[in-house]
Protein backbone atom coordinates (compact mmCIF):
# COMPACT_ATOMS: atom_id res chain seq x y z
CA UNK A 1 137.43 18.60 135.68
CA UNK A 2 135.33 21.48 137.08
CA UNK A 3 137.71 24.17 135.83
CA UNK A 4 137.87 22.77 132.29
CA UNK A 5 134.08 22.62 131.93
CA UNK A 6 133.73 26.18 133.19
CA UNK A 7 136.31 27.33 130.63
CA UNK A 8 134.45 25.55 127.82
CA UNK A 9 131.20 27.20 128.99
CA UNK A 10 132.85 30.63 128.94
CA UNK A 11 134.16 29.88 125.47
CA UNK A 12 130.68 28.82 124.35
CA UNK A 13 129.24 32.03 125.78
CA UNK A 14 131.69 34.22 123.86
CA UNK A 15 131.78 32.24 120.61
CA UNK A 16 128.09 31.31 120.32
CA UNK A 17 125.78 33.39 122.48
CA UNK A 18 127.38 36.81 122.06
CA UNK A 19 127.16 36.87 118.22
CA UNK A 20 123.56 35.58 118.31
CA UNK A 21 122.39 38.40 120.59
CA UNK A 22 124.37 40.93 118.54
CA UNK A 23 122.69 39.78 115.32
CA UNK A 24 119.28 40.06 117.02
CA UNK A 25 119.97 43.68 117.96
CA UNK A 26 121.38 44.46 114.52
CA UNK A 27 118.05 43.29 113.09
CA UNK A 28 116.24 45.88 115.20
CA UNK A 29 118.83 48.53 114.29
CA UNK A 30 118.66 48.14 110.51
CA UNK A 31 114.87 47.88 110.56
CA UNK A 32 114.69 51.14 112.51
CA UNK A 33 117.01 52.80 109.99
CA UNK A 34 114.87 51.57 107.09
CA UNK A 35 111.73 52.87 108.83
CA UNK A 36 113.34 56.29 109.44
CA UNK A 37 113.22 55.82 113.19
CA UNK A 38 116.10 57.48 115.00
CA UNK A 39 118.32 55.23 117.09
CA UNK A 40 119.98 57.05 119.96
CA UNK A 41 122.47 54.33 120.84
CA UNK A 42 123.74 51.02 119.55
CA UNK A 43 125.83 49.29 122.17
CA UNK A 44 128.27 46.44 121.76
CA UNK A 45 127.93 44.50 124.99
CA UNK A 46 125.77 45.46 127.97
CA UNK A 47 126.38 48.54 130.22
CA UNK A 48 128.20 49.88 132.12
CA UNK A 49 129.75 51.78 129.25
CA UNK A 50 133.47 51.36 128.60
CA UNK A 51 133.95 53.74 125.68
CA UNK A 52 132.24 55.71 122.92
CA UNK A 53 133.36 54.37 119.56
CA UNK A 54 131.69 56.80 117.17
CA UNK A 55 128.60 58.84 116.35
CA UNK A 56 126.94 58.38 112.97
CA UNK A 57 123.59 59.74 111.73
CA UNK A 58 122.52 60.64 115.24
CA UNK A 59 123.42 57.21 116.66
CA UNK A 60 126.00 56.80 119.40
CA UNK A 61 128.00 53.59 119.02
CA UNK A 62 129.36 52.41 122.36
CA UNK A 63 131.48 49.62 123.78
CA UNK A 64 130.26 48.19 127.08
CA UNK A 65 131.85 46.02 129.73
CA UNK A 66 129.54 42.97 129.76
CA UNK A 67 130.26 40.98 126.55
CA UNK A 68 126.70 39.77 125.89
CA UNK A 69 125.79 40.75 122.34
CA UNK A 70 124.54 44.31 122.35
CA UNK A 71 121.48 46.53 122.60
CA UNK A 72 119.55 49.14 120.63
CA UNK A 73 118.05 52.23 122.25
CA UNK A 74 115.59 53.87 119.82
CA UNK A 75 114.41 57.41 120.38
CA UNK A 76 110.99 57.71 122.01
CA UNK A 77 110.55 53.99 122.67
CA UNK A 78 107.50 54.66 124.88
CA UNK A 79 106.90 58.35 124.15
CA UNK A 80 104.81 59.12 121.03
CA UNK A 81 105.46 62.87 121.47
CA UNK A 82 108.95 62.43 119.96
CA UNK A 83 108.32 62.79 116.20
CA UNK A 84 111.13 60.55 114.87
CA UNK A 85 110.90 58.00 117.70
CA UNK A 86 109.63 54.43 117.78
CA UNK A 87 106.35 55.10 119.61
CA UNK A 88 105.43 57.86 117.15
CA UNK A 89 105.95 55.64 114.10
CA UNK A 90 103.11 53.92 112.25
CA UNK A 91 101.81 50.53 113.35
CA UNK A 92 103.48 48.87 110.36
CA UNK A 93 106.82 50.51 111.11
CA UNK A 94 106.71 49.52 114.78
CA UNK A 95 105.69 45.96 113.91
CA UNK A 96 108.53 45.76 111.36
CA UNK A 97 111.14 46.97 113.85
CA UNK A 98 109.89 44.66 116.61
CA UNK A 99 109.86 41.47 114.52
CA UNK A 100 113.17 42.28 112.81
CA UNK A 101 115.24 41.00 115.74
CA UNK A 102 113.72 37.52 115.58
CA UNK A 103 113.81 37.70 111.78
CA UNK A 104 117.55 38.34 111.88
CA UNK A 105 117.98 35.29 114.12
CA UNK A 106 116.08 33.09 111.67
CA UNK A 107 118.14 34.37 108.72
CA UNK A 108 121.32 33.78 110.72
CA UNK A 109 120.22 30.21 111.49
CA UNK A 110 119.38 29.59 107.82
CA UNK A 111 122.86 30.56 106.61
CA UNK A 112 124.68 28.82 109.46
CA UNK A 113 122.85 25.53 108.91
CA UNK A 114 123.36 25.89 105.15
CA UNK A 115 127.13 26.13 105.66
CA UNK A 116 127.06 23.41 108.33
CA UNK A 117 125.36 20.87 106.05
CA UNK A 118 127.77 21.61 103.21
CA UNK A 119 130.66 21.01 105.61
CA UNK A 120 128.89 17.89 106.76
CA UNK A 121 128.31 16.58 110.27
CA UNK A 122 130.72 14.03 111.69
CA UNK A 123 129.38 10.56 111.14
CA UNK A 124 127.40 8.98 114.00
CA UNK A 125 129.33 6.37 115.96
CA UNK A 126 128.65 3.90 118.78
CA UNK A 127 129.95 5.24 122.10
CA UNK A 128 128.67 2.46 124.37
CA UNK A 129 126.96 -0.94 124.14
CA UNK A 130 124.69 -2.19 126.93
CA UNK A 131 125.18 -5.80 128.10
CA UNK A 132 122.62 -8.31 126.77
CA UNK A 133 121.17 -5.70 124.42
CA UNK A 134 120.10 -6.17 120.77
CA UNK A 135 123.18 -4.14 119.79
CA UNK A 136 125.49 -6.60 121.56
CA UNK A 137 123.67 -9.60 120.03
CA UNK A 138 124.05 -8.04 116.56
CA UNK A 139 127.79 -7.57 117.10
CA UNK A 140 127.97 -3.78 117.33
CA UNK A 141 131.09 -2.47 119.05
CA UNK A 142 132.21 0.86 120.49
CA UNK A 143 133.69 2.95 117.68
CA UNK A 144 131.54 1.48 114.90
CA UNK A 145 130.42 4.21 112.49
CA UNK A 146 126.91 3.97 111.01
CA UNK A 147 126.83 4.21 107.22
CA UNK A 148 123.25 3.18 106.42
CA UNK A 149 120.17 2.01 108.33
CA UNK A 150 117.65 0.04 106.25
CA UNK A 151 119.29 1.48 103.15
CA UNK A 152 119.04 5.11 104.29
CA UNK A 153 122.23 7.13 104.70
CA UNK A 154 122.86 7.54 108.44
CA UNK A 155 123.77 11.21 108.32
CA UNK A 156 122.12 12.01 111.66
CA UNK A 157 121.06 10.17 114.82
CA UNK A 158 117.37 10.45 113.94
CA UNK A 159 117.83 8.23 110.87
CA UNK A 160 119.28 5.62 113.23
CA UNK A 161 116.81 6.04 116.10
CA UNK A 162 113.50 6.23 114.21
CA UNK A 163 113.57 2.67 112.77
CA UNK A 164 114.61 1.29 116.16
CA UNK A 165 111.47 2.69 117.77
CA UNK A 166 109.08 2.02 114.88
CA UNK A 167 110.28 -1.53 114.02
CA UNK A 168 110.41 -3.17 117.45
CA UNK A 169 110.71 -6.93 117.09
CA UNK A 170 111.58 -6.69 113.37
CA UNK A 171 115.01 -7.00 111.72
CA UNK A 172 116.77 -3.78 110.74
CA UNK A 173 119.70 -3.88 108.30
CA UNK A 174 122.81 -1.94 109.26
CA UNK A 175 125.98 -1.10 107.37
CA UNK A 176 128.76 0.05 109.68
CA UNK A 177 132.41 0.94 109.31
CA UNK A 178 134.88 -0.58 111.78
CA UNK A 179 138.33 0.78 111.13
CA UNK A 180 138.92 0.17 107.43
CA UNK A 181 136.35 -2.63 107.26
CA UNK A 182 132.71 -2.26 106.15
CA UNK A 183 130.31 -4.69 107.84
CA UNK A 184 126.71 -5.71 107.18
CA UNK A 185 124.79 -6.42 110.39
CA UNK A 186 121.19 -7.20 111.28
CA UNK A 187 119.71 -5.99 114.57
CA UNK A 188 116.29 -6.71 116.07
CA UNK A 189 115.35 -3.78 118.34
CA UNK A 190 113.20 -4.44 121.39
CA UNK A 191 109.52 -3.57 121.52
CA UNK A 192 108.14 -0.91 123.84
CA UNK A 193 107.90 -2.31 127.36
CA UNK A 194 110.80 -4.74 126.88
CA UNK A 195 113.37 -2.25 128.15
CA UNK A 196 113.67 0.55 130.70
CA UNK A 197 113.18 3.68 128.56
CA UNK A 198 114.66 5.84 131.31
CA UNK A 199 117.98 3.95 131.13
CA UNK A 200 118.30 3.03 127.46
CA UNK A 201 116.61 2.80 124.07
CA UNK A 202 115.34 -0.19 122.09
CA UNK A 203 118.80 -0.80 120.58
CA UNK A 204 120.86 -0.45 123.75
CA UNK A 205 123.68 1.79 122.50
CA UNK A 206 125.03 5.23 123.17
CA UNK A 207 125.49 7.45 120.11
CA UNK A 208 127.91 10.28 119.50
CA UNK A 209 129.93 11.99 116.80
CA UNK A 210 132.78 10.07 115.20
CA UNK A 211 136.22 11.51 115.96
CA UNK A 212 138.09 9.71 113.19
CA UNK A 213 137.43 12.26 110.43
CA UNK A 214 134.43 10.54 108.72
CA UNK A 215 132.03 13.18 107.39
CA UNK A 216 128.60 13.24 105.68
CA UNK A 217 128.58 16.16 103.27
CA UNK A 218 125.74 17.63 101.18
CA UNK A 219 125.74 19.57 97.92
CA UNK A 220 124.79 23.26 97.68
CA UNK A 221 121.03 22.97 97.07
CA UNK A 222 120.36 19.89 99.25
CA UNK A 223 122.17 21.69 102.08
CA UNK A 224 119.79 24.65 101.69
CA UNK A 225 116.81 22.31 101.81
CA UNK A 226 118.11 20.65 104.97
CA UNK A 227 118.67 24.07 106.51
CA UNK A 228 115.06 25.05 105.90
CA UNK A 229 113.89 21.68 107.22
CA UNK A 230 115.93 22.18 110.41
CA UNK A 231 114.35 25.57 111.06
CA UNK A 232 110.87 24.14 110.49
CA UNK A 233 111.59 21.15 112.76
CA UNK A 234 112.71 23.35 115.66
CA UNK A 235 109.85 25.83 115.21
CA UNK A 236 107.25 23.04 115.27
CA UNK A 237 108.99 21.40 118.23
CA UNK A 238 108.87 24.71 120.13
CA UNK A 239 105.11 24.92 119.52
CA UNK A 240 104.49 21.25 120.39
CA UNK A 241 106.36 21.17 123.71
CA UNK A 242 103.32 22.01 125.91
CA UNK A 243 101.26 19.27 124.24
CA UNK A 244 104.14 16.80 124.54
CA UNK A 245 104.37 17.58 128.26
CA UNK A 246 100.63 17.02 128.79
CA UNK A 247 100.75 13.71 126.91
CA UNK A 248 103.81 12.58 128.85
CA UNK A 249 105.95 12.29 125.72
CA UNK A 250 108.69 14.29 127.46
CA UNK A 251 109.43 14.86 131.13
CA UNK A 252 109.36 18.28 132.85
CA UNK A 253 113.14 18.08 133.27
CA UNK A 254 113.56 17.71 129.49
CA UNK A 255 111.39 20.79 128.83
CA UNK A 256 112.77 22.99 131.59
CA UNK A 257 113.70 26.55 130.66
CA UNK A 258 117.43 27.23 130.47
CA UNK A 259 119.28 30.37 131.53
CA UNK A 260 122.35 31.95 129.97
CA UNK A 261 124.41 29.62 132.20
CA UNK A 262 122.81 26.45 130.79
CA UNK A 263 122.97 27.74 127.23
CA UNK A 264 126.66 28.54 127.68
CA UNK A 265 127.25 25.02 129.00
CA UNK A 266 125.58 23.42 125.97
CA UNK A 267 127.43 25.72 123.59
CA UNK A 268 130.71 25.04 125.37
CA UNK A 269 130.21 21.29 125.06
CA UNK A 270 129.72 21.63 121.29
CA UNK A 271 132.82 23.84 121.04
CA UNK A 272 134.71 21.02 122.76
CA UNK A 273 133.18 18.36 120.46
CA UNK A 274 134.07 20.40 117.36
CA UNK A 275 137.63 20.78 118.59
CA UNK A 276 137.91 17.04 119.36
CA UNK A 277 136.46 15.95 116.00
CA UNK A 278 138.14 18.70 113.92
CA UNK A 279 134.71 19.42 112.47
CA UNK A 280 132.77 22.67 112.78
CA UNK A 281 129.36 21.06 112.39
CA UNK A 282 128.56 20.56 116.11
CA UNK A 283 129.46 24.19 116.85
CA UNK A 284 127.52 25.54 113.86
CA UNK A 285 124.54 23.31 114.64
CA UNK A 286 124.18 24.50 118.26
CA UNK A 287 124.67 28.12 117.14
CA UNK A 288 121.84 27.87 114.62
CA UNK A 289 119.59 26.10 117.11
CA UNK A 290 120.14 28.72 119.83
CA UNK A 291 119.57 31.49 117.28
CA UNK A 292 116.16 30.03 116.38
CA UNK A 293 115.33 29.49 120.05
CA UNK A 294 116.21 33.11 120.91
CA UNK A 295 114.10 34.41 118.04
CA UNK A 296 111.08 32.31 119.03
CA UNK A 297 111.40 33.18 122.73
CA UNK A 298 111.47 36.89 121.97
CA UNK A 299 108.24 36.55 119.99
CA UNK A 300 106.33 35.18 122.98
CA UNK A 301 103.55 37.63 124.00
CA UNK A 302 105.22 38.47 127.32
CA UNK A 303 105.49 42.12 128.43
CA UNK A 304 109.00 43.59 128.03
CA UNK A 305 109.83 41.09 125.26
CA UNK A 306 109.46 41.94 121.57
CA UNK A 307 106.38 39.71 121.46
CA UNK A 308 104.75 41.67 124.28
CA UNK A 309 105.25 44.94 122.41
CA UNK A 310 104.00 43.35 119.19
CA UNK A 311 100.86 42.29 121.06
CA UNK A 312 100.14 45.93 121.95
CA UNK A 313 100.56 46.93 118.29
CA UNK A 314 98.10 44.21 117.25
CA UNK A 315 95.60 45.28 119.92
CA UNK A 316 95.90 48.85 118.64
CA UNK A 317 95.23 47.65 115.09
CA UNK A 318 92.09 45.78 116.21
CA UNK A 319 90.59 48.47 118.48
CA UNK A 320 91.53 51.36 116.19
CA UNK A 321 93.38 53.38 118.83
CA UNK A 322 96.42 52.79 120.97
CA UNK A 323 96.52 52.01 124.65
CA UNK A 324 97.76 54.94 126.70
CA UNK A 325 101.60 54.95 126.62
CA UNK A 326 101.76 55.29 130.41
CA UNK A 327 99.72 52.10 130.89
CA UNK A 328 101.69 50.19 128.28
CA UNK A 329 104.95 51.37 129.81
CA UNK A 330 103.83 50.21 133.27
CA UNK A 331 102.94 46.77 131.90
CA UNK A 332 106.41 46.46 130.37
CA UNK A 333 108.06 47.56 133.62
CA UNK A 334 106.17 44.89 135.56
CA UNK A 335 107.05 42.38 132.85
CA UNK A 336 110.71 43.31 133.05
CA UNK A 337 110.75 42.83 136.83
CA UNK A 338 109.09 39.44 136.40
CA UNK A 339 111.64 38.43 133.75
CA UNK A 340 114.55 39.51 135.95
CA UNK A 341 113.27 37.42 138.87
CA UNK A 342 112.69 34.46 136.56
CA UNK A 343 116.17 34.88 135.09
CA UNK A 344 117.78 34.80 138.54
CA UNK A 345 115.82 31.65 139.47
CA UNK A 346 116.83 29.95 136.22
CA UNK A 347 120.49 30.85 136.74
CA UNK A 348 120.38 29.41 140.26
CA UNK A 349 118.73 26.25 138.90
CA UNK A 350 121.41 25.84 136.21
CA UNK A 351 124.15 26.24 138.81
CA UNK A 352 122.62 23.92 141.43
CA UNK A 353 121.33 21.39 138.88
CA UNK A 354 123.43 21.95 135.74
CA UNK A 355 122.37 20.77 132.31
CA UNK A 356 125.83 19.25 131.92
CA UNK A 357 127.65 17.91 135.02
CA UNK A 358 130.47 20.19 136.11
CA UNK A 359 132.84 17.31 136.91
């Protein structure tokens, strides 16, 4: 129902998005401390201010009413006349502080995925079978849990999907678990053009997480390797999206930007899946993914974002002198106004055309 989905989205916002933003700001905060840059305020949540918690080493720690992560307000952010402020610091110090937020997000994602893979994702199961599909002909049924595909452990949906797309018209060996029974099946996925790719894949099944307690766990070091691989996969995907759009590999709707509303919906859905499967992997996985996405987005060379400020530092390094603070400040103000307008439009889009249906 509408109310239940909204509640899950609110839960996803509080459980997933708020800690990610807070970690991002903590990255800036500790980097500023290490660079001997004074921080005037570190806020938990977004203003208006609810209370002053403490004052330590010249920093005011505050609690604010909007529970979205936090913020850091360094001294002299755009004023180089303040000796212990951000703008007066060296190029290296400013660069370090500016990239530290995204760096904290990447470190957060590394540890979360590391833990997630040691816990193990729920096994992948069949959630639907299309009539007259290769899956139906092979005897797959709803609830079947994939164990191996062509001899490879089916510990994620990609292991299942990749052979189906690459081996169209050829037999693919499956081992599935149905209740307490283990079955060996052979499926012949359809070739490209033999099915409507908008409606279904070459196999003709829906895939989802198993809810019967099956798990695919990894040892300590393999889990670390998979965590690093996941970060690399999402970073390269982020870079490749424009090219994929031009080539028609993905549709504009699949690559559309998502606001805090859409992100909360996706996070809320994974909170619900984790609760239903009694497995933290879906929740941890979406948390790590959003953390990487936030870090990468903030590094884009857009005024008002960390990447926009980093761009000015790099320009200063190349030309040997800084751009006048007044001009830089004006660029960031214009960038902030643009981002606010874009944010409102994205929120409206995610309400009118939600990522996940509200009913």
